[in-house]
């Protein structure tokens, strides 16, 4: 009889685990998809420099060297 209760307990815990793991809503999945899309676009974006290696910040228009990676004025990614 103890073996039967043990098996039922294991199945109950497994069922609760499955229910808890699959409780994502459609809004969560859409938000994740939007984040993934934005990340992909940002990671594949190409920046073109002039002969001096200077980039212009898209947010504030400040010029910064290409190797810096971030705008010195506003901190945006170049």
N, C-alpha and C. Protein backbone atom coordinates (compact mmCIF):
# COMPACT_ATOMS: atom_id res chain seq x y z
N UNK A 1 0.82 -1.19 0.00
CA UNK A 1 0.00 0.00 0.00
C UNK A 1 0.87 1.27 0.00
N UNK A 2 2.01 1.21 0.66
CA UNK A 2 2.90 2.37 0.69
C UNK A 2 3.46 2.67 -0.70
N UNK A 3 3.68 1.64 -1.50
CA UNK A 3 4.19 1.82 -2.84
C UNK A 3 3.17 2.54 -3.72
N UNK A 4 1.90 2.22 -3.55
CA UNK A 4 0.84 2.86 -4.32
C UNK A 4 0.78 4.34 -4.00
N UNK A 5 0.85 4.70 -2.73
CA UNK A 5 0.81 6.12 -2.34
C UNK A 5 2.04 6.86 -2.85
N UNK A 6 3.18 6.19 -2.83
CA UNK A 6 4.40 6.81 -3.34
C UNK A 6 4.27 7.10 -4.84
N UNK A 7 3.74 6.16 -5.60
CA UNK A 7 3.57 6.35 -7.03
C UNK A 7 2.57 7.47 -7.30
N UNK A 8 1.46 7.51 -6.56
CA UNK A 8 0.49 8.58 -6.73
C UNK A 8 1.08 9.94 -6.39
N UNK A 9 1.90 9.99 -5.37
CA UNK A 9 2.55 11.24 -4.98
C UNK A 9 3.51 11.71 -6.08
N UNK A 10 4.27 10.80 -6.65
CA UNK A 10 5.21 11.15 -7.73
C UNK A 10 4.44 11.68 -8.94
N UNK A 11 3.34 11.02 -9.31
CA UNK A 11 2.52 11.49 -10.43
C UNK A 11 1.90 12.86 -10.14
N UNK A 12 1.48 13.09 -8.92
CA UNK A 12 0.88 14.38 -8.57
C UNK A 12 1.92 15.50 -8.68
N UNK A 13 3.11 15.26 -8.19
CA UNK A 13 4.17 16.26 -8.26
C UNK A 13 4.56 16.51 -9.71
N UNK A 14 4.63 15.46 -10.52
CA UNK A 14 4.96 15.62 -11.94
C UNK A 14 3.88 16.42 -12.66
N UNK A 15 2.61 16.16 -12.35
CA UNK A 15 1.52 16.89 -12.99
C UNK A 15 1.54 18.36 -12.61
N UNK A 16 1.80 18.65 -11.35
CA UNK A 16 1.89 20.05 -10.93
C UNK A 16 3.08 20.75 -11.59
N UNK A 17 4.17 20.04 -11.74
CA UNK A 17 5.33 20.60 -12.41
C UNK A 17 5.05 20.92 -13.86
N UNK A 18 4.33 20.04 -14.55
CA UNK A 18 3.96 20.31 -15.94
C UNK A 18 3.02 21.49 -16.05
N UNK A 19 2.07 21.59 -15.16
CA UNK A 19 1.14 22.72 -15.19
C UNK A 19 1.85 24.04 -14.91
N UNK A 20 2.77 24.03 -13.98
CA UNK A 20 3.50 25.26 -13.64
C UNK A 20 4.45 25.66 -14.76
N UNK A 21 5.02 24.70 -15.45
CA UNK A 21 5.99 25.00 -16.51
C UNK A 21 5.36 25.49 -17.79
N UNK A 22 4.11 25.18 -18.03
CA UNK A 22 3.47 25.55 -19.29
C UNK A 22 2.43 26.64 -19.10
N UNK A 23 2.60 27.49 -18.12
CA UNK A 23 1.59 28.51 -17.84
C UNK A 23 1.90 29.85 -18.49
N UNK A 24 2.55 29.85 -19.63
CA UNK A 24 2.82 31.09 -20.34
C UNK A 24 1.58 31.53 -21.11
N UNK A 25 1.33 32.80 -21.07
CA UNK A 25 0.19 33.33 -21.81
C UNK A 25 0.65 33.76 -23.21
N UNK A 26 -0.31 34.06 -24.06
CA UNK A 26 0.04 34.53 -25.40
C UNK A 26 0.77 35.86 -25.34
N UNK A 27 0.41 36.70 -24.37
CA UNK A 27 1.10 37.99 -24.24
C UNK A 27 2.57 37.80 -23.89
N UNK A 28 2.87 36.83 -23.02
CA UNK A 28 4.27 36.56 -22.68
C UNK A 28 5.05 36.11 -23.91
N UNK A 29 4.43 35.25 -24.71
CA UNK A 29 5.10 34.77 -25.91
C UNK A 29 5.30 35.89 -26.92
N UNK A 30 4.31 36.77 -27.06
CA UNK A 30 4.44 37.90 -27.99
C UNK A 30 5.54 38.85 -27.53
N UNK A 31 5.60 39.13 -26.24
CA UNK A 31 6.63 40.02 -25.71
C UNK A 31 8.01 39.41 -25.93
N UNK A 32 8.13 38.12 -25.72
CA UNK A 32 9.41 37.45 -25.94
C UNK A 32 9.81 37.53 -27.41
N UNK A 33 8.82 37.34 -28.29
CA UNK A 33 9.09 37.44 -29.73
C UNK A 33 9.53 38.82 -30.14
N UNK A 34 8.87 39.85 -29.58
CA UNK A 34 9.27 41.23 -29.90
C UNK A 34 10.68 41.51 -29.41
N UNK A 35 11.02 41.02 -28.21
CA UNK A 35 12.36 41.23 -27.67
C UNK A 35 13.38 40.53 -28.54
N UNK A 36 13.09 39.29 -28.97
CA UNK A 36 14.02 38.55 -29.82
C UNK A 36 14.24 39.26 -31.14
N UNK A 37 13.15 39.77 -31.72
CA UNK A 37 13.25 40.47 -33.00
C UNK A 37 14.08 41.73 -32.86
N UNK A 38 13.82 42.50 -31.81
CA UNK A 38 14.57 43.74 -31.59
C UNK A 38 16.06 43.44 -31.36
N UNK A 39 16.35 42.37 -30.61
CA UNK A 39 17.74 42.00 -30.35
C UNK A 39 18.44 41.59 -31.65
N UNK A 40 17.76 40.81 -32.48
CA UNK A 40 18.35 40.40 -33.75
C UNK A 40 18.64 41.60 -34.65
N UNK A 41 17.68 42.52 -34.75
CA UNK A 41 17.89 43.70 -35.58
C UNK A 41 19.05 44.54 -35.06
N UNK A 42 19.12 44.71 -33.75
CA UNK A 42 20.19 45.51 -33.16
C UNK A 42 21.55 44.85 -33.35
N UNK A 43 21.61 43.53 -33.24
CA UNK A 43 22.89 42.84 -33.35
C UNK A 43 23.38 42.78 -34.79
N UNK A 44 22.47 42.84 -35.77
CA UNK A 44 22.87 42.78 -37.18
C UNK A 44 23.04 44.16 -37.82
N UNK A 45 22.75 45.21 -37.08
CA UNK A 45 22.85 46.56 -37.62
C UNK A 45 24.30 46.90 -37.93
N UNK A 46 24.52 47.48 -39.09
CA UNK A 46 25.86 47.88 -39.49
C UNK A 46 25.99 49.39 -39.36
N UNK A 47 27.11 49.81 -38.87
CA UNK A 47 27.39 51.25 -38.79
C UNK A 47 28.53 51.57 -39.74
N UNK A 48 28.37 52.63 -40.47
CA UNK A 48 29.39 53.05 -41.45
C UNK A 48 30.10 54.29 -40.92
N UNK A 49 31.39 54.24 -40.99
CA UNK A 49 32.19 55.38 -40.52
C UNK A 49 32.78 56.10 -41.72
N UNK A 50 33.21 57.32 -41.45
CA UNK A 50 33.93 58.04 -42.49
C UNK A 50 35.41 57.67 -42.40
N UNK A 51 36.25 58.35 -43.13
CA UNK A 51 37.68 58.02 -43.17
C UNK A 51 38.37 58.24 -41.83
N UNK A 52 37.80 59.07 -40.97
CA UNK A 52 38.44 59.36 -39.68
C UNK A 52 38.06 58.35 -38.60
N UNK A 53 37.10 57.47 -38.86
CA UNK A 53 36.69 56.50 -37.85
C UNK A 53 35.73 57.08 -36.84
N UNK A 54 35.06 58.17 -37.19
CA UNK A 54 34.12 58.81 -36.26
C UNK A 54 32.69 58.37 -36.59
N UNK A 55 31.92 58.16 -35.56
CA UNK A 55 30.50 57.83 -35.71
C UNK A 55 29.66 58.97 -35.15
N UNK A 56 28.49 59.15 -35.71
CA UNK A 56 27.54 60.15 -35.22
C UNK A 56 26.46 59.42 -34.43
N UNK A 57 26.21 59.87 -33.22
CA UNK A 57 25.18 59.27 -32.37
C UNK A 57 23.80 59.52 -32.98
N UNK A 58 22.97 58.47 -33.05
CA UNK A 58 21.63 58.64 -33.60
C UNK A 58 20.71 59.38 -32.64
N UNK A 59 21.02 59.33 -31.35
CA UNK A 59 20.14 59.97 -30.36
C UNK A 59 20.38 61.46 -30.24
N UNK A 60 21.65 61.86 -30.08
CA UNK A 60 21.91 63.27 -29.81
C UNK A 60 22.75 63.96 -30.88
N UNK A 61 23.34 63.21 -31.81
CA UNK A 61 24.10 63.82 -32.89
C UNK A 61 25.56 64.12 -32.56
N UNK A 62 26.03 63.71 -31.42
CA UNK A 62 27.42 63.95 -31.02
C UNK A 62 28.34 62.98 -31.75
N UNK A 63 29.49 63.44 -32.16
CA UNK A 63 30.48 62.58 -32.80
C UNK A 63 31.34 61.90 -31.75
N UNK A 64 31.69 60.63 -32.01
CA UNK A 64 32.53 59.87 -31.09
C UNK A 64 33.37 58.88 -31.88
N UNK A 65 34.56 58.53 -31.38
CA UNK A 65 35.37 57.54 -32.08
C UNK A 65 34.66 56.19 -32.14
N UNK A 66 34.94 55.45 -33.22
CA UNK A 66 34.28 54.17 -33.43
C UNK A 66 34.62 53.17 -32.33
N UNK A 67 35.82 53.18 -31.83
CA UNK A 67 36.25 52.19 -30.84
C UNK A 67 35.61 52.37 -29.47
N UNK A 68 35.01 53.53 -29.21
CA UNK A 68 34.39 53.79 -27.91
C UNK A 68 33.17 52.90 -27.73
N UNK A 69 32.32 52.81 -28.74
CA UNK A 69 31.14 51.95 -28.67
C UNK A 69 29.91 52.62 -28.09
N UNK A 70 30.09 53.62 -27.23
CA UNK A 70 28.96 54.34 -26.62
C UNK A 70 29.18 55.83 -26.77
N UNK A 71 28.08 56.55 -26.87
CA UNK A 71 28.15 58.00 -27.01
C UNK A 71 28.63 58.62 -25.70
N UNK A 72 29.63 59.50 -25.74
CA UNK A 72 30.10 60.12 -24.50
C UNK A 72 29.08 61.10 -23.90
N UNK A 73 28.18 61.61 -24.71
CA UNK A 73 27.21 62.60 -24.21
C UNK A 73 25.99 61.94 -23.57
N UNK A 74 25.38 60.99 -24.29
CA UNK A 74 24.13 60.43 -23.79
C UNK A 74 24.23 58.96 -23.38
N UNK A 75 25.31 58.26 -23.75
CA UNK A 75 25.49 56.86 -23.36
C UNK A 75 24.81 55.86 -24.27
N UNK A 76 24.23 56.31 -25.39
CA UNK A 76 23.56 55.39 -26.31
C UNK A 76 24.60 54.57 -27.06
N UNK A 77 24.21 53.37 -27.50
CA UNK A 77 25.09 52.53 -28.28
C UNK A 77 25.26 53.14 -29.66
N UNK A 78 26.51 53.27 -30.10
CA UNK A 78 26.78 53.87 -31.42
C UNK A 78 26.57 52.84 -32.52
